[in-house]
Amino acid sequence: MFFVNEVADDALFSNAHANNVTKRTKNVKVFAFEAAGSSATHKITRQQVMTSKWTPAEIPSQAGKRIIVTGGNSGIGWYTALELARAGAQVTIASRSVEKGEDAVRRIREILPNAEVRAGVLNLSDPASVKSFAENWLADGQPLDTLINNAGVMGLPKREVSVDGHELQFATNVLGPYRLTALLLPALLQSRHPRVVTVASNTHKMFKPGPITDFENRTKYVPMQVYAKTKLANVLFARELQNRAGNRLMSTIAHPGGARTNLFAATTFSTKVAGILTYPLLQDAEHGAWPTLMAATLPNARPGGYYGPSKIFELRGNPKETMTAPYADDSAAARALFEDLERITGVHYDL
């Protein structure tokens, strides 16, 4: 359900989401998004977000495509890598250690002996590791068709810091994917139809989403509030990436709902209790990967679209396109967040 190399659970979100849905279904809400350099406008109404019952059987052939899945060594990340390899993609699993990556590759090849899958070492909270991974990828000069920013940490009980001094949830969930995507941009733009998938969480709708001004949380560290803020930042990042890229790449977003994985250990006691109480409502990790797979492969995916489970407050069920928090639709907020990330990291996007 959580943590390093995984973003998997929205169980804590269900009550807040129920209240939000009650308020928002009184009127149809519309999110309008216009990509820079493109005349297409992305509009979603509540009637339009419903789709047929999508399953991985609908994944088009991925033969010849080169795909990176961060955190692909376990949980929903591993099932994402498995299904993309099954569809014929050349998959790179990025994980924090050689051993975890190689074990994930071995388990995939036990199922798919001819799978084109390899492992790479990536610690998103360490700028040097992100740079090294990107340089190794770029060295062969080949295009990158899809980058799936799946890895993350959630609800760490005590405030921890990265090697360069940033709060660890923020460093891993936000700064790391921002840096990685920027550094891999040259390879992405070599692809005919590049796509970046950001795995967020419906917890971004909790705690009254609004302007993100305190990235470090030095004076007041509340684990799940910090996590929710990083997931809101993920959505805003993905939306502004689409805005800046226009028709040069597609940026989509996924949330896994509630998934039963082995990642409870690193979170707070209250989160563990919530996971136990909601356990019967949760889906397994395999189904938790479906929204990511849909966001990564759906031929007619919407630029900036948000994909997640369709049933029980979006905790489980076949994936569909769904709605983000209203604040996450704010293009000015997305632009401001992107500018803050540029300032903090010193990394700029050549778009």
Protein backbone atom coordinates (compact mmCIF):
# COMPACT_ATOMS: atom_id res chain seq x y z
CA MET A 1 0.00 0.00 0.00
CA PHE A 2 2.74 2.58 0.29
CA PHE A 3 6.28 3.80 0.19
CA VAL A 4 9.65 3.48 -1.43
CA ASN A 5 9.17 2.47 -5.05
CA GLU A 6 5.39 2.53 -4.70
CA VAL A 7 2.39 4.78 -4.60
CA ALA A 8 -0.53 2.54 -3.91
CA ASP A 9 -3.25 3.44 -1.44
CA ASP A 10 -6.09 5.92 -1.15
CA ALA A 11 -8.00 4.13 1.60
CA LEU A 12 -7.72 7.08 3.99
CA PHE A 13 -9.27 9.25 1.35
CA SER A 14 -12.61 7.47 1.00
CA ASN A 15 -14.67 9.51 3.49
CA ALA A 16 -13.33 12.84 2.26
CA HIS A 17 -13.99 11.78 -1.31
CA ALA A 18 -17.57 10.77 -0.50
CA ASN A 19 -18.26 14.25 0.82
CA ASN A 20 -16.58 15.85 -2.19
CA VAL A 21 -18.60 13.78 -4.65
CA THR A 22 -21.84 14.70 -2.89
CA LYS A 23 -21.03 18.38 -3.32
CA ARG A 24 -19.74 18.22 -6.86
CA THR A 25 -22.37 16.02 -8.51
CA LYS A 26 -25.03 18.69 -7.99
CA ASN A 27 -23.62 20.47 -11.02
CA VAL A 28 -21.51 19.16 -13.86
CA LYS A 29 -17.96 20.37 -13.44
CA VAL A 30 -15.80 21.16 -16.44
CA PHE A 31 -12.02 21.21 -16.55
CA ALA A 32 -10.67 23.13 -19.53
CA PHE A 33 -7.05 22.75 -20.44
CA GLU A 34 -5.35 24.28 -23.47
CA ALA A 35 -1.92 23.02 -24.36
CA ALA A 36 0.61 25.63 -25.38
CA GLY A 37 1.30 25.47 -29.08
CA SER A 38 -1.86 23.48 -29.70
CA SER A 39 -5.34 24.47 -30.71
CA ALA A 40 -6.84 21.48 -28.90
CA THR A 41 -8.68 22.19 -25.66
CA HIS A 42 -9.07 19.44 -23.08
CA LYS A 43 -12.56 19.50 -21.58
CA ILE A 44 -13.98 16.88 -19.27
CA THR A 45 -17.52 16.80 -17.94
CA ARG A 46 -18.73 14.32 -15.39
CA GLN A 47 -20.84 12.65 -18.08
CA GLN A 48 -17.79 12.28 -20.34
CA VAL A 49 -15.39 10.66 -17.89
CA MET A 50 -17.21 7.32 -17.84
CA THR A 51 -15.61 4.70 -20.10
CA SER A 52 -16.23 1.06 -20.93
CA LYS A 53 -14.74 -1.55 -18.62
CA TRP A 54 -11.11 -1.28 -19.62
CA THR A 55 -8.69 -4.14 -18.87
CA PRO A 56 -5.06 -4.78 -19.85
CA ALA A 57 -6.36 -7.01 -22.64
CA GLU A 58 -7.03 -3.74 -24.50
CA ILE A 59 -3.39 -2.62 -24.40
CA PRO A 60 -2.26 -2.13 -28.01
CA SER A 61 0.98 -3.75 -29.11
CA GLN A 62 3.94 -2.01 -27.50
CA ALA A 63 6.46 -3.77 -29.73
CA GLY A 64 9.49 -1.59 -30.36
CA LYS A 65 8.60 0.88 -27.61
CA ARG A 66 11.13 1.72 -24.93
CA ILE A 67 9.57 2.33 -21.51
CA ILE A 68 10.92 3.21 -18.07
CA VAL A 69 8.94 2.31 -14.93
CA THR A 70 10.34 3.85 -11.76
CA GLY A 71 9.70 1.70 -8.71
CA GLY A 72 9.02 -1.22 -11.01
CA ASN A 73 10.53 -3.78 -8.66
CA SER A 74 7.40 -4.33 -6.53
CA GLY A 75 3.68 -3.78 -6.14
CA ILE A 76 1.80 -1.85 -8.79
CA GLY A 77 5.07 -0.84 -10.44
CA TRP A 78 6.04 -4.46 -11.00
CA TYR A 79 2.66 -5.36 -12.48
CA THR A 80 2.90 -2.30 -14.71
CA ALA A 81 6.27 -3.49 -16.00
CA LEU A 82 4.98 -7.04 -16.43
CA GLU A 83 2.00 -6.07 -18.58
CA LEU A 84 3.99 -3.66 -20.72
CA ALA A 85 6.59 -6.39 -21.33
CA ARG A 86 3.77 -8.80 -22.16
CA ALA A 87 2.59 -6.27 -24.77
CA GLY A 88 6.03 -6.33 -26.37
CA ALA A 89 7.71 -3.24 -24.91
CA GLN A 90 11.37 -2.97 -23.98
CA VAL A 91 11.00 -2.19 -20.28
CA THR A 92 13.56 -0.73 -17.90
CA ILE A 93 12.77 -1.22 -14.22
CA ALA A 94 14.30 1.56 -12.13
CA SER A 95 14.75 0.67 -8.46
CA ARG A 96 16.89 1.72 -5.52
CA SER A 97 19.24 -1.26 -5.64
CA VAL A 98 20.75 -3.65 -8.16
CA GLU A 99 19.43 -6.63 -6.19
CA LYS A 100 15.81 -5.45 -6.20
CA GLY A 101 15.90 -4.60 -9.87
CA GLU A 102 17.46 -7.88 -10.92
CA ASP A 103 15.00 -9.85 -8.81
CA ALA A 104 12.08 -8.04 -10.48
CA VAL A 105 13.52 -8.85 -13.91
CA ARG A 106 13.93 -12.49 -12.93
CA ARG A 107 10.30 -12.76 -11.77
CA ILE A 108 9.03 -11.27 -15.03
CA ARG A 109 11.15 -13.66 -17.10
CA GLU A 110 9.77 -16.60 -15.14
CA ILE A 111 6.39 -15.63 -16.58
CA LEU A 112 7.58 -14.23 -19.91
CA PRO A 113 10.84 -15.96 -20.86
CA ASN A 114 11.35 -13.78 -23.93
CA ALA A 115 10.54 -10.48 -22.25
CA GLU A 116 12.76 -7.53 -23.14
CA VAL A 117 13.30 -6.21 -19.64
CA ARG A 118 16.29 -4.86 -17.79
CA ALA A 119 17.06 -3.10 -14.50
CA GLY A 120 18.63 0.22 -13.59
CA VAL A 121 19.53 1.81 -10.26
CA LEU A 122 17.66 4.97 -9.32
CA ASN A 123 17.21 6.75 -5.99
CA LEU A 124 14.84 9.63 -6.73
CA SER A 125 15.75 11.47 -3.52
CA ASP A 126 19.41 11.71 -4.57
CA PRO A 127 20.15 14.19 -7.41
CA ALA A 128 23.40 12.40 -8.25
CA SER A 129 21.58 9.09 -8.66
CA VAL A 130 18.93 10.69 -10.88
CA LYS A 131 21.63 12.26 -13.04
CA SER A 132 23.57 9.01 -13.31
CA PHE A 133 20.49 7.02 -14.30
CA ALA A 134 19.52 9.56 -16.95
CA GLU A 135 23.05 9.73 -18.37
CA ASN A 136 23.22 5.94 -18.64
CA TRP A 137 19.90 5.91 -20.46
CA LEU A 138 20.86 8.71 -22.86
CA ALA A 139 24.24 7.18 -23.68
CA ASP A 140 22.94 4.96 -26.49
CA GLY A 141 21.13 7.83 -28.20
CA GLN A 142 17.87 5.90 -28.56
CA PRO A 143 14.39 7.41 -28.05
CA LEU A 144 12.32 6.95 -24.91
CA ASP A 145 8.67 6.37 -25.74
CA THR A 146 7.11 6.31 -22.28
CA LEU A 147 8.31 7.40 -18.85
CA ILE A 148 6.17 6.19 -15.94
CA ASN A 149 6.92 8.15 -12.77
CA ASN A 150 5.55 5.56 -10.35
CA ALA A 151 8.02 5.46 -7.47
CA GLY A 152 7.39 7.36 -4.27
CA VAL A 153 7.22 7.32 -0.47
CA MET A 154 4.19 7.88 1.72
CA GLY A 155 3.44 9.05 5.22
CA LEU A 156 6.88 8.63 6.78
CA PRO A 157 6.26 8.82 10.56
CA LYS A 158 9.14 11.21 11.29
CA ARG A 159 10.49 14.02 9.20
CA GLU A 160 13.54 12.81 7.30
CA VAL A 161 15.75 14.61 4.82
CA SER A 162 17.38 13.68 1.53
CA VAL A 163 21.12 13.75 0.91
CA ASP A 164 20.80 17.35 -0.28
CA GLY A 165 18.73 18.45 2.73
CA HIS A 166 15.12 18.43 1.47
CA GLU A 167 12.19 16.84 3.31
CA LEU A 168 12.21 13.24 2.10
CA GLN A 169 8.65 12.84 0.84
CA PHE A 170 8.97 16.04 -1.17
CA ALA A 171 12.42 15.09 -2.45
CA THR A 172 11.33 11.63 -3.56
CA ASN A 173 7.81 12.27 -4.83
CA VAL A 174 8.24 15.69 -6.42
CA LEU A 175 11.83 16.82 -6.94
CA GLY A 176 13.01 13.41 -8.15
CA PRO A 177 10.41 12.93 -10.92
CA TYR A 178 10.79 16.59 -11.93
CA ARG A 179 14.56 16.17 -12.36
CA LEU A 180 14.29 12.78 -14.06
CA THR A 181 11.71 13.91 -16.60
CA ALA A 182 13.74 17.01 -17.46
CA LEU A 183 16.96 15.05 -17.92
CA LEU A 184 15.25 12.42 -20.08
CA LEU A 185 13.43 14.99 -22.18
CA PRO A 186 15.89 14.78 -25.12
CA ALA A 187 15.18 11.05 -25.44
CA LEU A 188 11.45 11.54 -25.03
CA LEU A 189 11.33 14.14 -27.79
CA GLN A 190 13.07 11.71 -30.15
CA SER A 191 10.02 9.45 -29.95
CA ARG A 192 7.20 9.85 -32.46
CA HIS A 193 4.55 9.78 -29.72
CA PRO A 194 6.23 10.30 -26.32
CA ARG A 195 4.20 10.01 -23.16
CA VAL A 196 4.90 10.78 -19.49
CA VAL A 197 2.67 9.15 -16.89
CA THR A 198 2.65 10.56 -13.37
CA VAL A 199 1.29 8.25 -10.67
CA ALA A 200 -0.49 10.46 -8.16
CA SER A 201 -3.10 9.64 -5.51
CA ASN A 202 -6.62 10.69 -4.64
CA THR A 203 -5.23 11.85 -1.31
CA HIS A 204 -4.35 15.03 -3.21
CA LYS A 205 -8.01 15.96 -2.60
CA MET A 206 -7.62 15.84 1.19
CA PHE A 207 -6.73 18.63 3.62
CA LYS A 208 -8.32 21.44 1.57
CA PRO A 209 -5.99 21.55 -1.45
CA GLY A 210 -4.55 24.99 -2.08
CA PRO A 211 -1.32 26.86 -2.81
CA ILE A 212 1.84 24.90 -2.01
CA THR A 213 4.08 27.33 -0.19
CA ASP A 214 5.95 25.26 2.42
CA PHE A 215 7.92 22.50 0.71
CA GLU A 216 10.13 21.59 3.67
CA ASN A 217 7.68 21.35 6.62
CA ARG A 218 10.35 22.07 9.20
CA THR A 219 8.10 23.54 11.89
CA LYS A 220 4.99 21.41 11.40
CA TYR A 221 5.39 17.92 9.99
CA VAL A 222 2.12 15.98 9.67
CA PRO A 223 2.96 12.84 7.66
CA MET A 224 -0.24 12.35 5.66
CA GLN A 225 -0.75 16.06 5.05
CA VAL A 226 2.75 16.25 3.62
CA TYR A 227 2.08 13.21 1.45
CA ALA A 228 -1.19 14.69 0.18
CA LYS A 229 0.64 17.90 -0.70
CA THR A 230 3.24 15.99 -2.71
CA LYS A 231 0.48 14.23 -4.63
CA LEU A 232 -1.20 17.56 -5.40
CA ALA A 233 2.19 18.74 -6.65
CA ASN A 234 2.38 15.65 -8.89
CA VAL A 235 -0.93 16.53 -10.55
CA LEU A 236 0.03 20.17 -11.01
CA PHE A 237 3.41 19.17 -12.42
CA ALA A 238 1.84 16.81 -14.95
CA ARG A 239 -0.66 19.44 -16.06
CA GLU A 240 1.98 22.14 -16.52
CA LEU A 241 4.25 19.70 -18.33
CA GLN A 242 1.45 19.16 -20.83
CA ASN A 243 0.87 22.89 -21.11
CA ARG A 244 4.54 23.58 -21.89
CA ALA A 245 5.00 20.62 -24.22
CA GLY A 246 1.87 21.24 -26.29
CA ASN A 247 1.61 18.57 -28.97
CA ARG A 248 5.24 17.48 -28.59
CA LEU A 249 4.41 14.93 -25.91
CA MET A 250 1.45 13.68 -23.91
CA SER A 251 1.32 13.95 -20.12
CA THR A 252 -1.24 11.82 -18.28
CA ILE A 253 -1.91 11.08 -14.61
CA ALA A 254 -3.04 7.93 -12.80
CA HIS A 255 -4.09 7.03 -9.29
CA PRO A 256 -4.21 3.39 -8.16
CA GLY A 257 -7.09 3.63 -5.70
CA GLY A 258 -6.62 1.30 -2.75
CA ALA A 259 -4.24 -1.57 -3.40
CA ARG A 260 -3.15 -4.40 -1.12
CA THR A 261 0.64 -4.40 -1.20
CA ASN A 262 3.45 -5.10 1.27
CA LEU A 263 4.34 -1.48 1.89
CA PHE A 264 2.57 -0.73 5.18
CA ALA A 265 5.74 -0.99 7.23
CA ALA A 266 7.16 2.52 6.82
CA THR A 267 4.07 4.60 7.54
CA THR A 268 2.31 5.94 10.63
CA PHE A 269 0.37 3.75 13.03
CA SER A 270 -2.92 5.46 12.17
CA THR A 271 -2.36 4.77 8.48
CA LYS A 272 -1.67 1.12 9.21
CA VAL A 273 -4.92 0.92 11.18
CA ALA A 274 -6.83 2.58 8.35
CA GLY A 275 -5.36 0.05 5.95
CA ILE A 276 -6.48 -2.84 8.14
CA LEU A 277 -10.01 -1.45 8.54
CA THR A 278 -10.45 -0.85 4.81
CA TYR A 279 -8.70 -4.04 3.73
CA PRO A 280 -11.87 -5.75 2.41
CA LEU A 281 -12.48 -2.77 0.09
CA LEU A 282 -9.02 -2.79 -1.44
CA GLN A 283 -7.91 -4.46 -4.65
CA ASP A 284 -4.74 -6.41 -5.22
CA ALA A 285 -1.60 -4.82 -6.62
CA GLU A 286 -2.24 -6.27 -10.06
CA HIS A 287 -5.53 -4.39 -10.40
CA GLY A 288 -3.96 -1.35 -8.75
CA ALA A 289 -1.67 -1.12 -11.78
CA TRP A 290 -4.55 -0.93 -14.28
CA PRO A 291 -5.06 2.86 -14.11
CA THR A 292 -1.36 3.39 -14.80
CA LEU A 293 -1.49 0.99 -17.73
CA MET A 294 -4.55 2.75 -19.10
CA ALA A 295 -2.90 6.16 -18.78
CA ALA A 296 0.24 4.83 -20.45
CA THR A 297 -1.31 3.03 -23.42
CA LEU A 298 -4.83 4.29 -24.17
CA PRO A 299 -4.65 5.48 -27.79
CA ASN A 300 -7.17 8.27 -27.30
CA ALA A 301 -6.01 9.36 -23.83
CA ARG A 302 -6.67 13.01 -23.08
CA PRO A 303 -3.73 15.37 -22.55
CA GLY A 304 -3.62 16.01 -18.81
CA GLY A 305 -6.22 13.28 -18.19
CA TYR A 306 -6.55 11.67 -14.75
CA TYR A 307 -7.25 7.91 -14.63
CA GLY A 308 -8.31 5.82 -11.64
CA PRO A 309 -10.63 3.05 -10.43
CA SER A 310 -14.35 3.38 -11.10
CA LYS A 311 -16.02 1.90 -8.00
CA ILE A 312 -16.41 2.41 -4.22
CA PHE A 313 -15.14 5.97 -3.99
CA GLU A 314 -12.50 5.14 -6.61
CA LEU A 315 -10.83 2.60 -4.34
CA ARG A 316 -11.21 -0.30 -6.76
CA GLY A 317 -12.71 -1.41 -10.07
CA ASN A 318 -11.91 -1.09 -13.75
CA PRO A 319 -10.14 2.19 -14.52
CA LYS A 320 -11.76 5.20 -16.13
CA GLU A 321 -10.96 8.83 -16.65
CA THR A 322 -12.00 10.68 -13.52
CA MET A 323 -11.78 14.09 -11.83
CA THR A 324 -9.04 15.80 -9.84
CA ALA A 325 -9.61 18.28 -7.02
CA PRO A 326 -10.81 21.64 -8.37
CA TYR A 327 -7.58 23.35 -7.29
CA ALA A 328 -5.58 20.87 -9.38
CA ASP A 329 -7.36 22.25 -12.45
CA ASP A 330 -5.90 25.71 -11.83
CA SER A 331 -3.41 26.46 -14.61
CA ALA A 332 -1.89 29.39 -12.71
CA ALA A 333 -1.23 27.11 -9.72
CA ALA A 334 0.41 24.54 -11.98
CA ARG A 335 2.61 27.21 -13.56
CA ALA A 336 3.63 28.56 -10.14
CA LEU A 337 4.53 25.07 -8.89
CA PHE A 338 6.66 24.41 -11.96
CA GLU A 339 8.51 27.70 -11.49
CA ASP A 340 9.17 26.83 -7.84
CA LEU A 341 10.60 23.46 -8.86
CA GLU A 342 12.85 25.17 -11.40
CA ARG A 343 14.11 27.52 -8.69
CA ILE A 344 14.68 24.78 -6.09
CA THR A 345 16.42 22.29 -8.38
CA GLY A 346 18.11 24.64 -10.83
CA VAL A 347 16.81 22.34 -13.58
CA HIS A 348 14.97 23.94 -16.51
CA TYR A 349 12.89 22.31 -19.19
CA ASP A 350 13.87 22.92 -22.79
CA LEU A 351 10.31 23.24 -24.06
